[in-house]
Amino acid sequence: MARLASQERLGFFPLPLPVVDLIAEVIQEVHEEAVICDPCAGEGEAVQALANKLGLDESRIVACELHEGRSRALKARLPTAVVTERTDFQSSAFYTGRASMLYLNPPYDHELGHSARSEQMFLAKATTALRPGGLLAFVLPRRVLMNTGPIKLFLHNWFQNIGSFDFPKEVRKFDECVVLAQKRKKAKTDRYPPWQFPMLNMDLMWQANYKLRPGELFEFRKVAYDDQELRGLMDFEQVVEDIQRRHQQDRKQVRPPLTLGEGHVALLLAAGYLNGRIHKPGEPPHVVRGTSRKGERVKETSRTSDNKHERLVIEEKIELVIRTLDQQGNIRDIVDTSTEDQVPEEYRGDTAALARNRTPKMPRGGRMRRWS
């Protein structure tokens, strides 16, 4: 029920104000031109309180929010900040390496269409907005931090002076903690996280000498339609037809010498050449968008000599995802997956087990398996 409640709220759990005070306490120096970045700001209460505690003007805040109601409240709360309303951070564009501090409180769930956690996906992209030497304040459940190998590996490669502390008991509802770290000037290239993942506790964070250096303002630019805007496009069908008719003389119709096969159409979709409105004569119009992504598949299976364990050889596979929207507002995802080739759910993201070449946790009712 907790996960369903999280998904209903789009994974939105605002940071309690007592935790804001704890974050501000360990930051020893703040430059007046520092920039705080919040890519999933909600209604903006936490990032506003953090800026006020650090003595920063609210105009030095850069934020965005996907939810329509919360984004309106965010804009009203921070009228002088650089706020982009109704923007999906994962599909936004922005200048990199400009923020002095990255405050990141992402949704607590698995990313839709991926085997990775949402926290991992948000961290990987949001880190690019942070300048070298910038400060990360990352909020996530403690169990996710300690049990998700890719998150620990990313923190190990991209950050130094890593410390963490748990929420106070009175406001700790989902085992949350805060990770504070400074971005490295040059990232490491280690393939596996360390066996021991040392982190500074609250008493030792003063030795890290966390500072907010000068930054540059930037903006999260919207580069993709959200669901409401897609439905709005269908309401302007006549306008689209007028535009197409106006430019029809300037467009040269080119037909291929032979009929396109399924592979040709798939390549066109994956490359983005068929994105937009599709209206075939005699059929209702619809909007289509195609993307490609990497997945995992089982390439080979074998058993050990003692016939007690099974080895799996995993390889990456390119998957095509097509999203369509019809006139009734129905959104449909068509995913090119092969169920018999998919990596078992219990092994996805188990980087730590892969690194140690040891057996992952045995799923209930299943046999133990070993990575090759």
Protein backbone atom coordinates (compact mmCIF):
# COMPACT_ATOMS: atom_id res chain seq x y z
CA MET A 1 0.00 0.00 0.00
CA ALA A 2 2.93 2.36 0.69
CA ARG A 3 4.18 1.98 -2.88
CA LEU A 4 0.70 2.60 -4.33
CA ALA A 5 0.38 5.74 -2.24
CA SER A 6 3.79 6.87 -3.47
CA GLN A 7 2.84 6.32 -7.12
CA GLU A 8 -0.45 8.20 -6.63
CA ARG A 9 1.54 11.22 -5.45
CA LEU A 10 4.15 10.76 -8.24
CA GLY A 11 6.58 9.76 -5.49
CA PHE A 12 6.40 13.25 -3.94
CA PHE A 13 7.47 13.39 -0.29
CA PRO A 14 8.54 16.92 0.76
CA LEU A 15 11.60 17.35 2.98
CA PRO A 16 10.67 18.08 6.61
CA LEU A 17 11.92 21.47 7.77
CA PRO A 18 13.94 20.02 10.72
CA VAL A 19 16.09 18.17 8.15
CA VAL A 20 16.70 21.46 6.31
CA ASP A 21 18.24 22.83 9.51
CA LEU A 22 20.58 19.81 9.77
CA ILE A 23 21.77 20.25 6.16
CA ALA A 24 22.43 23.95 6.69
CA GLU A 25 24.40 23.31 9.89
CA VAL A 26 27.20 21.35 8.16
CA ILE A 27 27.73 23.90 5.35
CA GLN A 28 30.51 26.14 6.63
CA GLU A 29 30.75 28.79 3.92
CA VAL A 30 28.27 30.18 1.36
CA HIS A 31 29.19 32.56 -1.46
CA GLU A 32 26.60 35.23 -2.20
CA GLU A 33 26.55 34.19 -5.90
CA ALA A 34 26.02 30.50 -5.20
CA VAL A 35 23.20 28.75 -7.11
CA ILE A 36 20.94 26.05 -5.62
CA CYS A 37 19.39 23.61 -8.11
CA ASP A 38 16.27 21.54 -7.35
CA PRO A 39 15.09 19.41 -10.32
CA CYS A 40 12.01 18.00 -8.52
CA ALA A 41 11.04 20.90 -6.32
CA GLY A 42 7.41 20.08 -5.51
CA GLU A 43 5.85 23.22 -4.05
CA GLY A 44 9.27 24.70 -3.28
CA GLU A 45 8.98 24.83 0.49
CA ALA A 46 12.19 22.87 1.17
CA VAL A 47 14.47 24.65 -1.32
CA GLN A 48 13.11 28.03 -0.17
CA ALA A 49 13.81 27.19 3.47
CA LEU A 50 17.28 25.93 2.57
CA ALA A 51 18.15 29.14 0.69
CA ASN A 52 16.89 31.26 3.57
CA LYS A 53 18.89 29.25 6.12
CA LEU A 54 22.05 29.68 4.04
CA GLY A 55 21.45 33.41 3.56
CA LEU A 56 20.99 33.16 -0.21
CA ASP A 57 18.57 35.32 -2.17
CA GLU A 58 15.67 33.36 -3.66
CA SER A 59 16.64 34.63 -7.11
CA ARG A 60 19.64 32.23 -6.91
CA ILE A 61 17.32 29.19 -7.04
CA VAL A 62 16.84 27.11 -10.21
CA ALA A 63 13.93 24.66 -10.03
CA CYS A 64 11.37 22.71 -12.02
CA GLU A 65 8.34 20.51 -11.26
CA LEU A 66 6.27 18.12 -13.37
CA HIS A 67 2.96 18.10 -11.48
CA GLU A 68 0.69 20.92 -12.71
CA GLY A 69 -0.77 21.92 -9.35
CA ARG A 70 2.53 21.79 -7.49
CA SER A 71 4.35 23.68 -10.26
CA ARG A 72 1.84 26.56 -9.98
CA ALA A 73 2.38 26.65 -6.22
CA LEU A 74 6.16 26.58 -6.80
CA LYS A 75 5.99 29.57 -9.15
CA ALA A 76 3.80 31.50 -6.71
CA ARG A 77 6.10 30.72 -3.77
CA LEU A 78 9.32 31.67 -5.64
CA PRO A 79 8.39 34.51 -8.03
CA THR A 80 12.01 35.72 -8.39
CA ALA A 81 13.57 32.27 -8.86
CA VAL A 82 14.26 30.59 -12.22
CA VAL A 83 11.27 28.20 -12.27
CA THR A 84 10.13 26.04 -15.18
CA GLU A 85 6.57 24.83 -14.73
CA ARG A 86 5.14 21.45 -15.79
CA THR A 87 8.51 20.11 -16.87
CA ASP A 88 9.69 16.51 -16.74
CA PHE A 89 13.29 16.80 -15.56
CA GLN A 90 14.30 13.55 -17.26
CA SER A 91 13.34 14.95 -20.69
CA SER A 92 14.55 18.52 -20.10
CA ALA A 93 17.67 20.26 -21.40
CA PHE A 94 19.97 22.59 -19.47
CA TYR A 95 23.49 23.97 -19.30
CA THR A 96 25.84 21.69 -17.35
CA GLY A 97 28.32 22.47 -14.61
CA ARG A 98 26.70 25.67 -13.28
CA ALA A 99 25.00 24.84 -9.96
CA SER A 100 26.86 25.34 -6.67
CA MET A 101 24.54 22.97 -4.81
CA LEU A 102 22.26 20.20 -6.01
CA TYR A 103 19.36 19.48 -3.67
CA LEU A 104 17.86 16.23 -4.95
CA ASN A 105 14.76 14.60 -3.43
CA PRO A 106 13.58 12.29 -6.26
CA PRO A 107 10.60 9.90 -6.32
CA TYR A 108 11.09 6.69 -4.32
CA ASP A 109 10.21 3.99 -6.84
CA HIS A 110 11.41 2.06 -9.88
CA GLU A 111 11.68 4.15 -13.06
CA LEU A 112 8.82 3.49 -15.51
CA GLY A 113 10.11 1.41 -18.44
CA HIS A 114 13.46 0.68 -16.77
CA SER A 115 14.81 -1.86 -14.30
CA ALA A 116 16.73 0.91 -12.48
CA ARG A 117 15.49 2.90 -9.50
CA SER A 118 14.17 6.43 -10.03
CA GLU A 119 16.71 7.70 -7.51
CA GLN A 120 19.51 6.31 -9.69
CA MET A 121 18.18 7.88 -12.91
CA PHE A 122 17.66 11.30 -11.32
CA LEU A 123 21.11 11.26 -9.69
CA ALA A 124 22.91 10.40 -12.94
CA LYS A 125 21.36 13.24 -14.91
CA ALA A 126 21.18 15.87 -12.17
CA THR A 127 24.88 15.49 -11.37
CA THR A 128 25.71 17.05 -14.75
CA ALA A 129 24.14 20.33 -13.57
CA LEU A 130 26.57 20.50 -10.63
CA ARG A 131 29.90 22.31 -11.01
CA PRO A 132 33.17 20.58 -9.97
CA GLY A 133 33.52 20.98 -6.22
CA GLY A 134 29.78 21.56 -5.91
CA LEU A 135 27.78 20.12 -3.03
CA LEU A 136 25.22 17.31 -3.39
CA ALA A 137 22.36 16.92 -0.88
CA PHE A 138 20.70 13.65 -1.90
CA VAL A 139 17.55 12.43 -0.09
CA LEU A 140 16.58 8.76 -0.43
CA PRO A 141 15.66 5.74 1.73
CA ARG A 142 18.62 4.25 3.59
CA ARG A 143 17.82 0.73 2.37
CA VAL A 144 17.89 1.92 -1.26
CA LEU A 145 21.27 3.57 -0.71
CA MET A 146 22.88 0.51 0.84
CA ASN A 147 21.26 -2.16 -1.37
CA THR A 148 21.50 -0.53 -4.82
CA GLY A 149 24.94 -1.17 -6.32
CA PRO A 150 24.67 1.32 -9.23
CA ILE A 151 23.89 4.20 -6.82
CA LYS A 152 26.88 3.39 -4.60
CA LEU A 153 29.14 3.01 -7.64
CA PHE A 154 28.01 6.36 -9.07
CA LEU A 155 28.60 8.15 -5.77
CA HIS A 156 32.01 6.50 -5.44
CA ASN A 157 33.12 7.53 -8.95
CA TRP A 158 31.72 11.06 -9.07
CA PHE A 159 31.91 12.35 -5.49
CA GLN A 160 34.28 12.65 -2.55
CA ASN A 161 33.92 13.51 1.16
CA ILE A 162 30.72 11.46 1.20
CA GLY A 163 28.72 11.68 4.43
CA SER A 164 25.20 10.77 5.47
CA PHE A 165 22.77 11.12 8.35
CA ASP A 166 19.30 9.73 9.02
CA PHE A 167 16.15 11.80 9.39
CA PRO A 168 15.14 12.48 13.00
CA LYS A 169 12.86 9.75 14.31
CA GLU A 170 9.84 12.02 14.59
CA VAL A 171 9.85 12.76 10.81
CA ARG A 172 11.41 9.52 9.48
CA LYS A 173 8.51 7.76 7.74
CA PHE A 174 10.24 5.81 4.95
CA ASP A 175 13.74 5.14 6.36
CA GLU A 176 15.01 8.33 4.70
CA CYS A 177 18.53 9.66 4.97
CA VAL A 178 20.52 12.55 3.48
CA VAL A 179 23.78 12.01 1.59
CA LEU A 180 26.14 14.99 1.41
CA ALA A 181 29.14 14.90 -0.95
CA GLN A 182 31.39 17.10 -3.08
CA LYS A 183 31.63 16.51 -6.83
CA ARG A 184 35.06 15.46 -8.05
CA LYS A 185 36.90 17.53 -10.62
CA LYS A 186 37.47 14.33 -12.59
CA ALA A 187 35.33 11.23 -12.19
CA LYS A 188 36.81 7.83 -11.45
CA THR A 189 36.26 4.92 -13.83
CA ASP A 190 35.87 2.05 -11.36
CA ARG A 191 33.52 -0.63 -12.61
CA TYR A 192 32.36 -1.92 -9.24
CA PRO A 193 31.58 -0.22 -5.94
CA PRO A 194 33.96 -0.87 -3.01
CA TRP A 195 33.09 -3.71 -0.67
CA GLN A 196 33.05 -1.29 2.21
CA PHE A 197 31.30 2.00 1.46
CA PRO A 198 32.62 4.41 4.11
CA MET A 199 30.58 7.53 4.81
CA LEU A 200 31.17 10.32 7.29
CA ASN A 201 28.68 10.60 10.12
CA MET A 202 27.22 13.85 11.43
CA ASP A 203 30.10 14.44 13.85
CA LEU A 204 32.79 14.03 11.18
CA MET A 205 31.11 16.09 8.44
CA TRP A 206 32.77 19.25 9.79
CA GLN A 207 36.11 17.85 8.59
CA ALA A 208 34.80 17.74 5.00
CA ASN A 209 34.63 21.57 4.98
CA TYR A 210 31.53 21.77 2.79
CA LYS A 211 31.31 25.10 0.92
CA LEU A 212 29.03 26.64 -1.68
CA ARG A 213 31.18 28.28 -4.34
CA PRO A 214 29.97 30.82 -6.95
CA GLY A 215 27.66 29.44 -9.63
CA GLU A 216 25.84 30.57 -12.76
CA LEU A 217 22.10 30.78 -13.24
CA PHE A 218 20.54 28.56 -15.90
CA GLU A 219 17.12 27.22 -16.84
CA PHE A 220 15.52 23.81 -17.30
CA ARG A 221 14.23 23.96 -20.88
CA LYS A 222 11.22 21.93 -21.88
CA VAL A 223 11.93 19.80 -24.96
CA ALA A 224 9.05 17.28 -24.84
CA TYR A 225 5.28 17.46 -24.54
CA ASP A 226 3.57 16.24 -21.38
CA ASP A 227 0.34 14.22 -21.50
CA GLN A 228 -1.92 17.28 -21.16
CA GLU A 229 -0.13 19.10 -23.98
CA LEU A 230 -0.42 16.05 -26.21
CA ARG A 231 -4.17 16.03 -25.69
CA GLY A 232 -4.21 19.73 -26.46
CA LEU A 233 -2.49 19.08 -29.78
CA MET A 234 -5.34 16.82 -30.82
CA ASP A 235 -7.81 19.66 -30.16
CA PHE A 236 -6.04 21.81 -32.77
CA GLU A 237 -6.35 19.34 -35.63
CA GLN A 238 -7.79 21.96 -37.97
CA VAL A 239 -4.90 24.34 -37.25
CA VAL A 240 -2.40 21.60 -38.07
CA GLU A 241 -4.15 20.84 -41.34
CA ASP A 242 -4.09 24.53 -42.33
CA ILE A 243 -0.36 24.73 -41.66
CA GLN A 244 0.30 21.58 -43.65
CA ARG A 245 -1.82 22.87 -46.55
CA ARG A 246 0.00 26.22 -46.48
CA HIS A 247 3.40 24.57 -46.81
CA GLN A 248 2.39 21.71 -49.07
CA GLN A 249 3.84 23.38 -52.15
CA ASP A 250 7.25 23.78 -50.46
CA ARG A 251 7.41 20.15 -49.41
CA LYS A 252 8.76 17.65 -51.88
CA GLN A 253 7.11 14.26 -51.67
CA VAL A 254 9.75 11.54 -51.86
CA ARG A 255 8.79 7.90 -52.15
CA PRO A 256 11.20 5.02 -51.62
CA PRO A 257 11.91 2.77 -54.65
CA LEU A 258 10.60 -0.26 -52.74
CA THR A 259 8.05 -0.76 -49.99
CA LEU A 260 9.50 -0.19 -46.53
CA GLY A 261 9.83 -3.29 -44.38
CA GLU A 262 9.23 -3.52 -40.65
CA GLY A 263 12.93 -3.05 -40.00
CA HIS A 264 13.01 0.20 -41.99
CA VAL A 265 10.01 1.60 -40.12
CA ALA A 266 11.57 0.57 -36.80
CA LEU A 267 14.79 2.42 -37.66
CA LEU A 268 12.84 5.53 -38.65
CA LEU A 269 10.94 5.43 -35.36
CA ALA A 270 14.07 4.86 -33.29
CA ALA A 271 15.78 7.79 -35.05
CA GLY A 272 12.82 10.09 -34.34
CA TYR A 273 11.93 10.73 -38.01
CA LEU A 274 8.32 9.60 -37.56
CA ASN A 275 7.63 11.55 -34.37
CA GLY A 276 4.56 13.76 -34.43
CA ARG A 277 1.12 13.59 -35.96
CA ILE A 278 0.28 10.66 -38.24
CA HIS A 279 -2.88 10.74 -40.36
CA LYS A 280 -3.34 7.94 -42.85
CA PRO A 281 -6.27 8.40 -45.29
CA GLY A 282 -9.34 6.58 -44.08
CA GLU A 283 -8.00 6.18 -40.53
CA PRO A 284 -8.28 8.46 -37.47
CA PRO A 285 -5.20 10.61 -36.73
CA HIS A 286 -2.86 9.94 -33.83
CA VAL A 287 0.40 11.20 -32.36
CA VAL A 288 3.41 8.86 -32.22
CA ARG A 289 6.81 9.08 -30.57
CA GLY A 290 9.55 6.47 -30.85
CA THR A 291 12.64 6.01 -28.68
CA SER A 292 15.25 3.33 -28.20
CA ARG A 293 16.86 2.16 -25.00
CA LYS A 294 19.22 -0.51 -23.73
CA GLY A 295 17.88 -3.60 -22.03
CA GLU A 296 19.33 -6.89 -20.86
CA ARG A 297 18.74 -10.41 -22.15
CA VAL A 298 19.94 -13.87 -21.26
CA LYS A 299 22.42 -14.93 -23.93
CA GLU A 300 23.46 -18.31 -22.57
CA THR A 301 22.63 -20.63 -19.69
CA SER A 302 24.69 -23.50 -18.38
CA ARG A 303 25.10 -25.58 -15.26
CA THR A 304 28.17 -26.08 -13.10
CA SER A 305 30.02 -29.36 -13.01
CA ASP A 306 28.39 -30.35 -9.73
CA ASN A 307 24.97 -29.60 -11.29
CA LYS A 308 24.02 -27.55 -8.25
CA HIS A 309 24.06 -24.08 -9.77
CA GLU A 310 23.03 -22.48 -13.02
CA ARG A 311 25.16 -19.86 -14.80
CA LEU A 312 23.63 -16.98 -16.74
CA VAL A 313 25.44 -14.96 -19.43
CA ILE A 314 23.83 -11.55 -19.82
CA GLU A 315 24.17 -9.24 -22.81
CA GLU A 316 22.74 -5.83 -23.64
CA LYS A 317 19.93 -5.53 -26.14
CA ILE A 318 18.49 -2.49 -27.88
CA GLU A 319 14.73 -2.21 -27.30
CA LEU A 320 12.33 0.01 -29.21
CA VAL A 321 9.56 1.83 -27.33
CA ILE A 322 6.70 3.46 -29.25
CA ARG A 323 4.13 5.71 -27.56
CA THR A 324 0.90 6.61 -29.35
CA LEU A 325 -1.93 9.00 -28.47
CA ASP A 326 -5.33 8.82 -30.18
CA GLN A 327 -8.16 11.36 -30.44
CA GLN A 328 -9.84 10.04 -27.30
CA GLY A 329 -6.73 10.81 -25.24
CA ASN A 330 -5.72 7.15 -24.85
CA ILE A 331 -1.95 6.75 -24.45
CA ARG A 332 -0.50 3.37 -25.42
CA ASP A 333 3.08 2.13 -25.00
CA ILE A 334 4.34 -0.54 -27.40
CA VAL A 335 7.53 -2.09 -26.05
CA ASP A 336 9.76 -4.43 -28.06
CA THR A 337 10.68 -7.01 -25.43
CA SER A 338 11.15 -10.75 -25.40
CA THR A 339 9.93 -12.36 -22.19
CA GLU A 340 11.95 -15.49 -22.63
CA ASP A 341 15.17 -13.46 -23.00
CA GLN A 342 14.63 -11.01 -20.16
CA VAL A 343 16.93 -11.04 -17.16
CA PRO A 344 15.05 -12.37 -14.12
CA GLU A 345 13.66 -9.56 -11.98
CA GLU A 346 15.53 -10.75 -8.88
CA TYR A 347 18.90 -10.24 -10.61
CA ARG A 348 18.32 -6.82 -12.17
CA GLY A 349 20.58 -4.14 -10.72
CA ASP A 350 22.38 -6.67 -8.46
CA THR A 351 25.75 -5.11 -9.28
CA ALA A 352 27.23 -5.91 -5.90
CA ALA A 353 26.62 -9.64 -6.37
CA LEU A 354 28.05 -9.45 -9.88
CA ALA A 355 31.18 -7.68 -8.63
CA ARG A 356 31.83 -10.26 -5.91
CA ASN A 357 31.04 -13.18 -8.24
CA ARG A 358 28.83 -14.56 -5.53
CA THR A 359 25.33 -15.93 -5.52
CA PRO A 360 22.58 -13.27 -5.22
CA LYS A 361 19.73 -13.66 -2.81
CA MET A 362 17.63 -16.72 -3.61
CA PRO A 363 14.11 -15.80 -4.77
CA ARG A 364 11.23 -17.37 -2.94
CA GLY A 365 10.24 -20.70 -4.41
CA GLY A 366 13.18 -20.68 -6.85
CA ARG A 367 16.58 -22.28 -7.20
CA MET A 368 19.86 -20.59 -6.47
CA ARG A 369 21.64 -19.22 -9.54
CA ARG A 370 25.12 -17.86 -10.03
CA TRP A 371 26.35 -15.12 -12.36
CA SER A 372 29.04 -16.19 -14.79
